[in-house]
Amino acid sequence: MTVTSTNSSRPIPAHGHSAVDYETRVDYDRLRAYRLGRARAALDAGECGAFLLFDFYNIRYTTQTWIGGALGDKMTRYALLPRGGEPVLWDFGSAARHHQLFAPWLKPENSRAGMLGMRGAIAPDAGLMASAVREIKGMLEDAGVADMPVGVDIVEPPFLFEMQRQGLKVVDAQQMMLDARTIKSQDEIALLSMAAAMVDGVYQDIVDVLKPGIRENEIVALANKRLYEMGSDQVEAINAVSGERCNPHPHNFSDRLIRPGDQAFFDIIQSYNGYRTCYYRTFAVGSATSPQRDAYTKAREWMDAAIAVVKPGVGTDEVARVWPAATEFGFADEMAAFGLQFGHGLGLGLHERPIISRLNSLENPVEIQEGMVFALETYCPASDGFSAARIEEEVVVTADGPQILTKFPAQELFVANAY
């Protein structure tokens, strides 16, 4: 399965969320076929007889199912993709029955109830893990692949030990699955564009209320409300950082009151139909100082230089090199500054391939390819010692260069509610 080239002469559409008879929008059957095809190709290309997947994003990629909320981190859902076979999903109780009714791409017998212990709340001594491994091993034997390694992405130690005790050889499948997810189809790119368009609108809502007296957490509440109203299926995090909290960057929000003349930046991390945004914007509140404007100008220069490098065939080291070394903006080394001048793939996961930074990319570059989608982030502290600018753009790599999904104005420091 191949990705359909993006027509870089036209903007990537941000469709409405409904299906209509008068436009071609996201084709979910095509999306499901593409993702499963990529996972199967990754399995067939390696040494594994099957992938056993616990990572929620890999489960969604291969089975086209999702449960979030309270069950999102309990390590109780898992899926088996055997070589030459159909995906099998073990899900939380009645969810498996729901899939049998509403997810017809999974064979009914391949949607099963499962329980491994809720991250140890049911102790391994209860035997749930041993029973699950016996079932999986039997299925591998039936498929004729029991003598081949089993690729696992993430796993609880007791489950890994039980697999080894029952004679299964375990290898790392996460690398292969991340490779499979790197190149986005036209439907994935459309969903990423739709998700970004939602955040475009939320930023307009934010600048309308970004005035002295509002708190960071109130902005977070507003953004959550608007995103869920607009159709988000998961608001993963909203960073809201203002005033003296801008430098050093805390990567969270507080109940701090916004004050006149503050610099404030926000990161909106959410997903539509699983496809994520990571989208920083920086504002001045009412007015801006020369140090704040200078910091923003520098962060924008670093951003534009990085975008200018992006095209198929370029190494991620070439992108990282246009960013300043950690020591140039006040950090001892690249580990201490990691995540400030930064790029990361976007898809079902927030941090997919490629990861771009001076910490890893200079010595271990990755070739940029058509169909990759990643976010680029820059950060510049201001000379006043406490303000800072943060900018992020989401980039789609086309045959002719980059297209930008993040549309809220960011070429110059945006002064909200100027006075």
Protein backbone atom coordinates (compact mmCIF):
# COMPACT_ATOMS: atom_id res chain seq x y z
CA MET A 1 0.00 0.00 0.00
CA THR A 2 1.34 3.43 -0.92
CA VAL A 3 0.51 6.91 0.17
CA THR A 4 -1.27 9.11 -2.35
CA SER A 5 0.85 12.14 -3.19
CA THR A 6 -0.44 15.43 -1.86
CA ASN A 7 -1.20 18.06 -4.49
CA SER A 8 1.05 20.79 -3.16
CA SER A 9 -0.43 23.38 -5.51
CA ARG A 10 -3.60 23.47 -3.39
CA PRO A 11 -4.08 23.76 0.37
CA ILE A 12 -4.70 20.53 2.24
CA PRO A 13 -8.46 20.56 2.93
CA ALA A 14 -9.99 20.80 6.38
CA HIS A 15 -13.24 18.96 5.71
CA GLY A 16 -16.41 19.21 7.70
CA HIS A 17 -16.86 16.37 10.15
CA SER A 18 -19.87 14.82 8.44
CA ALA A 19 -19.99 12.58 5.40
CA VAL A 20 -21.73 14.12 2.38
CA ASP A 21 -22.74 12.96 -1.08
CA TYR A 22 -21.34 15.96 -2.94
CA GLU A 23 -17.65 15.87 -1.88
CA THR A 24 -14.98 13.25 -1.46
CA ARG A 25 -13.81 13.47 2.13
CA VAL A 26 -12.12 10.97 4.44
CA ASP A 27 -12.67 7.40 3.24
CA TYR A 28 -12.59 5.39 6.46
CA ASP A 29 -12.63 2.01 4.73
CA ARG A 30 -9.58 3.10 2.74
CA LEU A 31 -7.97 4.42 5.95
CA ARG A 32 -8.48 1.10 7.74
CA ALA A 33 -7.12 -0.88 4.80
CA TYR A 34 -4.06 1.35 4.54
CA ARG A 35 -3.16 1.06 8.21
CA LEU A 36 -3.60 -2.69 8.42
CA GLY A 37 -1.67 -3.08 5.17
CA ARG A 38 1.26 -1.07 6.54
CA ALA A 39 1.30 -3.14 9.74
CA ARG A 40 1.20 -6.40 7.80
CA ALA A 41 4.02 -5.25 5.53
CA ALA A 42 6.15 -4.42 8.58
CA LEU A 43 5.45 -7.87 10.04
CA ASP A 44 6.24 -9.69 6.80
CA ALA A 45 9.50 -7.77 6.34
CA GLY A 46 10.97 -8.90 9.66
CA GLU A 47 11.69 -12.05 11.65
CA CYS A 48 8.50 -12.16 13.69
CA GLY A 49 5.72 -14.66 13.34
CA ALA A 50 3.29 -12.24 14.97
CA PHE A 51 2.99 -8.87 16.63
CA LEU A 52 1.46 -8.76 20.10
CA LEU A 53 0.45 -5.15 20.70
CA PHE A 54 -0.38 -3.36 23.95
CA ASP A 55 0.33 0.21 22.81
CA PHE A 56 -3.08 1.84 22.33
CA TYR A 57 -1.99 3.56 19.14
CA ASN A 58 -0.72 0.35 17.59
CA ILE A 59 -3.95 -1.41 18.59
CA ARG A 60 -5.97 1.30 16.87
CA TYR A 61 -3.71 1.17 13.82
CA THR A 62 -4.19 -2.58 13.34
CA THR A 63 -7.71 -3.26 14.67
CA GLN A 64 -9.35 0.14 14.00
CA THR A 65 -10.83 0.23 17.51
CA TRP A 66 -10.50 2.68 20.39
CA ILE A 67 -11.31 3.06 24.05
CA GLY A 68 -10.04 6.10 25.89
CA GLY A 69 -10.75 7.71 29.22
CA ALA A 70 -10.25 5.69 32.38
CA LEU A 71 -9.16 2.57 30.50
CA GLY A 72 -6.54 4.33 28.44
CA ASP A 73 -3.58 3.42 30.63
CA LYS A 74 -4.56 0.12 32.26
CA MET A 75 -2.60 -2.26 29.97
CA THR A 76 -5.63 -4.55 29.70
CA ARG A 77 -6.32 -4.29 25.96
CA TYR A 78 -4.11 -6.20 23.55
CA ALA A 79 -4.12 -7.37 19.95
CA LEU A 80 -2.41 -10.18 18.05
CA LEU A 81 -1.51 -9.81 14.38
CA PRO A 82 -0.22 -13.18 13.13
CA ARG A 83 1.70 -13.54 9.88
CA GLY A 84 -0.82 -14.35 7.15
CA GLY A 85 -3.78 -14.00 9.51
CA GLU A 86 -6.41 -11.57 10.71
CA PRO A 87 -6.00 -9.29 13.75
CA VAL A 88 -7.45 -10.56 17.03
CA LEU A 89 -8.41 -8.11 19.78
CA TRP A 90 -8.90 -8.71 23.49
CA ASP A 91 -10.83 -5.81 24.97
CA PHE A 92 -12.44 -4.71 28.17
CA GLY A 93 -15.59 -6.78 28.85
CA SER A 94 -18.62 -5.41 27.06
CA ALA A 95 -16.47 -3.34 24.68
CA ALA A 96 -15.65 -6.57 22.85
CA ARG A 97 -19.35 -7.21 22.35
CA HIS A 98 -19.79 -3.64 21.11
CA HIS A 99 -17.05 -4.22 18.51
CA GLN A 100 -18.85 -7.36 17.33
CA LEU A 101 -21.89 -5.21 16.60
CA PHE A 102 -20.26 -2.05 15.23
CA ALA A 103 -16.78 -2.98 13.92
CA PRO A 104 -17.55 -5.47 11.13
CA TRP A 105 -14.01 -5.35 9.75
CA LEU A 106 -13.05 -7.56 12.72
CA LYS A 107 -14.38 -11.11 12.54
CA PRO A 108 -16.84 -11.56 15.43
CA GLU A 109 -14.78 -14.41 16.87
CA ASN A 110 -11.70 -12.16 16.78
CA SER A 111 -13.19 -9.59 19.15
CA ARG A 112 -12.81 -11.16 22.58
CA ALA A 113 -13.17 -10.15 26.19
CA GLY A 114 -9.84 -9.99 27.99
CA MET A 115 -8.39 -9.04 31.36
CA LEU A 116 -4.77 -9.17 32.53
CA GLY A 117 -4.93 -7.41 35.88
CA MET A 118 -5.34 -3.63 35.55
CA ARG A 119 -1.64 -2.82 35.94
CA GLY A 120 -1.16 -5.26 38.79
CA ALA A 121 -4.37 -4.55 40.72
CA ILE A 122 -5.16 -8.23 40.12
CA ALA A 123 -1.89 -9.92 41.03
CA PRO A 124 -0.19 -12.19 38.47
CA ASP A 125 -0.69 -15.07 40.92
CA ALA A 126 -4.37 -15.03 39.98
CA GLY A 127 -3.36 -16.69 36.71
CA LEU A 128 -4.91 -14.30 34.20
CA MET A 129 -1.60 -13.62 32.49
CA ALA A 130 -0.63 -17.30 32.37
CA SER A 131 -3.99 -18.15 30.82
CA ALA A 132 -3.69 -15.38 28.25
CA VAL A 133 -0.20 -16.49 27.21
CA ARG A 134 -1.40 -20.09 26.84
CA GLU A 135 -4.21 -18.88 24.57
CA ILE A 136 -1.85 -16.77 22.47
CA LYS A 137 0.69 -19.58 22.21
CA GLY A 138 -2.01 -21.95 21.02
CA MET A 139 -3.05 -19.49 18.33
CA LEU A 140 0.55 -19.12 17.21
CA GLU A 141 0.86 -22.91 16.98
CA ASP A 142 -2.33 -23.10 14.94
CA ALA A 143 -0.92 -20.44 12.60
CA GLY A 144 2.37 -22.35 12.26
CA VAL A 145 4.48 -19.49 13.64
CA ALA A 146 5.08 -20.58 17.24
CA ASP A 147 8.78 -21.17 16.54
CA MET A 148 9.26 -17.62 15.30
CA PRO A 149 9.86 -14.61 17.58
CA VAL A 150 6.87 -12.63 18.84
CA GLY A 151 7.19 -8.88 18.45
CA VAL A 152 5.88 -6.94 21.46
CA ASP A 153 5.68 -3.14 21.65
CA ILE A 154 5.19 -2.35 25.36
CA VAL A 155 4.54 -4.86 28.12
CA GLU A 156 4.24 -5.30 31.87
CA PRO A 157 7.21 -7.25 33.28
CA PRO A 158 5.09 -10.15 34.69
CA PHE A 159 3.52 -10.71 31.26
CA LEU A 160 6.93 -10.68 29.58
CA PHE A 161 8.27 -13.16 32.14
CA GLU A 162 5.25 -15.41 31.56
CA MET A 163 5.79 -15.39 27.80
CA GLN A 164 9.41 -16.40 28.34
CA ARG A 165 8.43 -19.07 30.89
CA GLN A 166 6.11 -20.64 28.33
CA GLY A 167 8.88 -20.74 25.74
CA LEU A 168 8.07 -17.74 23.52
CA LYS A 169 10.94 -15.65 22.18
CA VAL A 170 10.10 -11.95 22.55
CA VAL A 171 11.60 -9.16 20.42
CA ASP A 172 10.88 -5.45 20.03
CA ALA A 173 7.97 -4.66 17.70
CA GLN A 174 7.69 -0.99 18.62
CA GLN A 175 10.43 0.01 16.18
CA MET A 176 8.70 -1.80 13.33
CA MET A 177 5.29 -0.36 14.17
CA LEU A 178 6.67 3.18 14.42
CA ASP A 179 8.25 2.72 11.01
CA ALA A 180 4.91 1.49 9.64
CA ARG A 181 3.11 4.56 11.02
CA THR A 182 5.66 7.08 9.67
CA ILE A 183 4.20 7.64 6.20
CA LYS A 184 0.68 9.05 6.32
CA SER A 185 -2.04 8.32 3.76
CA GLN A 186 -4.21 11.01 2.23
CA ASP A 187 -6.94 10.19 4.74
CA GLU A 188 -4.57 10.47 7.70
CA ILE A 189 -3.34 13.83 6.41
CA ALA A 190 -6.93 15.01 5.98
CA LEU A 191 -7.72 14.06 9.59
CA LEU A 192 -4.60 15.85 10.83
CA SER A 193 -5.68 18.93 8.89
CA MET A 194 -9.18 18.75 10.38
CA ALA A 195 -7.71 18.47 13.88
CA ALA A 196 -5.47 21.49 13.27
CA ALA A 197 -8.42 23.51 11.95
CA MET A 198 -10.23 22.92 15.24
CA VAL A 199 -7.29 24.44 17.11
CA ASP A 200 -7.21 27.39 14.69
CA GLY A 201 -10.67 28.23 15.97
CA VAL A 202 -9.82 27.68 19.62
CA TYR A 203 -6.97 30.18 19.34
CA GLN A 204 -9.43 32.79 18.12
CA ASP A 205 -11.53 32.06 21.21
CA ILE A 206 -8.43 32.42 23.40
CA VAL A 207 -7.34 35.79 22.04
CA ASP A 208 -10.86 37.12 22.50
CA VAL A 209 -10.69 36.49 26.28
CA LEU A 210 -6.94 36.87 26.89
CA LYS A 211 -7.17 39.91 29.15
CA PRO A 212 -5.89 40.84 32.60
CA GLY A 213 -7.77 38.97 35.32
CA ILE A 214 -8.34 35.69 33.52
CA ARG A 215 -6.40 32.70 34.89
CA GLU A 216 -4.34 30.17 32.99
CA ASN A 217 -6.64 27.36 34.13
CA GLU A 218 -9.68 29.27 32.82
CA ILE A 219 -8.06 29.33 29.37
CA VAL A 220 -7.49 25.57 29.72
CA ALA A 221 -11.16 25.07 30.63
CA LEU A 222 -12.31 27.17 27.69
CA ALA A 223 -10.10 25.24 25.26
CA ASN A 224 -11.29 21.87 26.57
CA LYS A 225 -14.94 22.89 26.29
CA ARG A 226 -14.61 24.23 22.76
CA LEU A 227 -12.61 21.25 21.51
CA TYR A 228 -15.11 18.71 22.79
CA GLU A 229 -17.94 20.79 21.34
CA MET A 230 -16.12 20.76 18.00
CA GLY A 231 -15.76 16.96 18.01
CA SER A 232 -12.45 16.18 19.69
CA ASP A 233 -12.25 12.60 20.93
CA GLN A 234 -9.42 13.31 23.39
CA VAL A 235 -8.00 16.53 24.79
CA GLU A 236 -4.67 15.16 25.97
CA ALA A 237 -3.19 18.35 27.41
CA ILE A 238 -3.40 22.13 27.27
CA ASN A 239 -0.27 23.97 28.35
CA ALA A 240 -0.92 27.54 29.47
CA VAL A 241 2.17 29.51 30.48
CA SER A 242 2.31 33.24 31.22
CA GLY A 243 4.36 36.05 32.71
CA GLU A 244 7.28 34.99 34.90
CA ARG A 245 6.37 31.32 34.32
CA CYS A 246 7.52 31.55 30.68
CA ASN A 247 11.21 31.20 31.51
CA PRO A 248 12.11 28.54 32.44
CA HIS A 249 9.42 26.68 30.50
CA PRO A 250 7.36 24.49 32.91
CA HIS A 251 5.35 22.53 30.27
CA ASN A 252 2.09 22.76 32.24
CA PHE A 253 -0.56 25.22 33.44
CA SER A 254 -1.38 26.84 36.76
CA ASP A 255 -4.00 29.11 38.31
CA ARG A 256 -1.85 32.20 37.71
CA LEU A 257 -3.73 35.43 36.93
CA ILE A 258 -2.92 36.98 33.57
CA ARG A 259 -1.60 40.53 34.01
CA PRO A 260 -1.16 43.54 31.70
CA GLY A 261 1.89 43.25 29.47
CA ASP A 262 2.36 39.51 30.03
CA GLN A 263 3.77 37.29 27.37
CA ALA A 264 1.78 34.04 27.28
CA PHE A 265 2.06 30.87 25.25
CA PHE A 266 -0.21 27.86 24.87
CA ASP A 267 0.11 24.34 23.48
CA ILE A 268 -3.08 22.53 22.45
CA ILE A 269 -2.71 18.76 22.28
CA GLN A 270 -5.89 16.97 21.22
CA SER A 271 -7.13 14.52 18.63
CA TYR A 272 -9.89 14.19 16.09
CA ASN A 273 -10.65 10.58 15.16
CA GLY A 274 -7.35 9.72 16.80
CA TYR A 275 -5.16 12.17 14.86
CA ARG A 276 -3.33 14.62 17.03
CA THR A 277 -2.34 18.23 17.21
CA CYS A 278 0.65 19.78 18.94
CA TYR A 279 0.22 23.47 18.30
CA TYR A 280 1.93 26.30 20.25
CA ARG A 281 1.13 29.96 19.88
CA THR A 282 2.53 32.95 21.80
CA PHE A 283 0.70 36.20 22.55
CA ALA A 284 1.32 39.46 24.32
CA VAL A 285 -1.50 40.65 26.56
CA GLY A 286 -2.49 44.24 25.81
CA SER A 287 1.02 45.41 24.93
CA ALA A 288 4.49 44.06 24.27
CA THR A 289 7.99 45.09 25.33
CA SER A 290 11.06 45.21 23.13
CA PRO A 291 12.60 42.10 24.81
CA GLN A 292 9.36 40.17 24.18
CA ARG A 293 9.23 41.21 20.53
CA ASP A 294 12.92 40.42 20.03
CA ALA A 295 12.51 36.94 21.52
CA TYR A 296 9.54 36.28 19.26
CA THR A 297 11.40 37.48 16.18
CA LYS A 298 14.28 35.13 16.93
CA ALA A 299 11.97 32.14 17.56
CA ARG A 300 10.24 32.88 14.25
CA GLU A 301 13.56 33.09 12.41
CA TRP A 302 14.57 29.69 13.77
CA MET A 303 11.17 28.28 12.74
CA ASP A 304 11.31 29.67 9.21
CA ALA A 305 14.86 28.43 8.73
CA ALA A 306 13.79 24.91 9.73
CA ILE A 307 10.74 24.89 7.45
CA ALA A 308 12.88 26.11 4.54
CA VAL A 309 15.08 23.01 4.84
CA VAL A 310 12.22 20.49 4.77
CA LYS A 311 11.84 18.45 1.59
CA PRO A 312 12.06 14.76 0.63
CA GLY A 313 15.59 13.39 0.79
CA VAL A 314 16.89 15.85 3.38
CA GLY A 315 18.26 14.45 6.63
CA THR A 316 16.84 15.48 9.99
CA ASP A 317 20.35 16.54 10.94
CA GLU A 318 20.09 19.34 8.38
CA VAL A 319 16.96 20.62 10.10
CA ALA A 320 18.50 20.38 13.57
CA ARG A 321 21.59 22.29 12.51
CA VAL A 322 19.66 25.48 11.73
CA TRP A 323 18.60 25.66 15.38
CA PRO A 324 20.88 27.15 18.04
CA ALA A 325 22.97 24.93 20.27
CA ALA A 326 21.72 24.64 23.84
CA THR A 327 24.53 26.84 25.14
CA GLU A 328 23.42 29.65 22.83
CA PHE A 329 20.11 30.14 24.67
CA GLY A 330 21.09 29.46 28.24
CA PHE A 331 21.34 25.68 28.76
CA ALA A 332 24.32 23.57 29.74
CA ASP A 333 23.85 20.87 27.09
CA GLU A 334 21.39 19.39 24.60
CA MET A 335 19.82 17.04 27.15
CA ALA A 336 18.94 19.99 29.38
CA ALA A 337 17.40 21.84 26.41
CA PHE A 338 15.63 18.86 24.83
CA GLY A 339 12.13 19.62 23.61
CA LEU A 340 12.67 23.35 23.13
CA GLN A 341 14.15 23.38 19.61
CA PHE A 342 12.39 20.21 18.58
CA GLY A 343 10.49 18.29 15.93
CA HIS A 344 8.33 15.21 16.27
CA GLY A 345 6.09 13.10 14.07
CA LEU A 346 2.33 13.42 14.47
CA GLY A 347 -0.31 10.78 13.89
CA LEU A 348 -2.25 8.52 16.21
CA GLY A 349 0.54 9.23 18.70
CA LEU A 350 1.81 12.61 19.80
CA HIS A 351 5.47 11.71 19.40
CA GLU A 352 6.01 9.56 16.32
CA ARG A 353 8.86 9.50 13.83
CA PRO A 354 10.86 11.48 13.00
CA ILE A 355 12.16 12.99 16.24
CA ILE A 356 14.30 16.00 15.34
CA SER A 357 16.68 17.67 17.77
CA ARG A 358 20.35 18.40 18.20
CA LEU A 359 20.40 15.72 20.93
CA ASN A 360 19.77 12.79 18.56
CA SER A 361 19.64 13.95 14.95
CA LEU A 362 23.18 15.18 14.37
CA GLU A 363 24.67 11.72 14.91
CA ASN A 364 21.66 9.61 13.90
CA PRO A 365 19.81 11.42 11.14
CA VAL A 366 16.63 10.13 9.51
CA GLU A 367 15.76 10.84 5.89
CA ILE A 368 12.70 13.03 5.45
CA GLN A 369 10.18 11.40 3.12
CA GLU A 370 7.06 12.45 1.28
CA GLY A 371 4.01 11.68 3.42
CA MET A 372 5.68 12.40 6.74
CA VAL A 373 3.83 14.77 9.05
CA PHE A 374 5.65 16.39 11.94
CA ALA A 375 5.55 19.38 14.23
CA LEU A 376 8.45 21.81 14.52
CA GLU A 377 8.85 23.78 17.77
CA THR A 378 11.08 26.71 18.69
CA TYR A 379 11.59 28.52 22.00
CA CYS A 380 13.48 31.71 22.73
CA PRO A 381 13.93 33.25 26.20
CA ALA A 382 13.71 37.02 26.36
CA SER A 383 16.47 39.30 27.58
CA ASP A 384 14.27 40.49 30.48
CA GLY A 385 15.02 37.17 32.19
CA PHE A 386 11.47 35.84 32.51
CA SER A 387 9.50 36.26 29.28
CA ALA A 388 9.85 33.83 26.36
CA ALA A 389 8.40 33.03 22.93
CA ARG A 390 7.20 29.58 21.82
CA ILE A 391 6.07 28.77 18.26
CA GLU A 392 5.00 25.49 16.69
CA GLU A 393 3.99 24.60 13.15
CA GLU A 394 2.67 21.29 11.84
CA VAL A 395 4.29 20.34 8.53
CA VAL A 396 3.23 17.91 5.79
CA VAL A 397 6.06 16.81 3.52
CA THR A 398 5.01 16.84 -0.14
CA ALA A 399 7.00 16.11 -3.28
CA ASP A 400 7.48 19.84 -3.74
CA GLY A 401 8.29 20.75 -0.14
CA PRO A 402 6.35 21.50 3.03
CA GLN A 403 2.73 22.46 3.54
CA ILE A 404 1.72 24.00 6.86
CA LEU A 405 -1.43 22.76 8.64
CA THR A 406 -1.37 25.28 11.50
CA LYS A 407 -3.00 28.46 10.23
CA PHE A 408 -3.47 30.84 13.17
CA PRO A 409 -1.29 33.91 12.47
CA ALA A 410 2.22 33.55 13.86
CA GLN A 411 4.61 35.49 11.65
CA GLU A 412 4.69 38.37 14.16
CA LEU A 413 3.97 38.54 17.87
CA PHE A 414 0.17 38.71 18.19
CA VAL A 415 -0.91 41.31 20.75
CA ALA A 416 -4.27 40.24 22.15
CA ASN A 417 -6.72 42.96 23.15
CA ALA A 418 -4.23 45.76 22.52
CA TYR A 419 -4.58 48.99 24.44
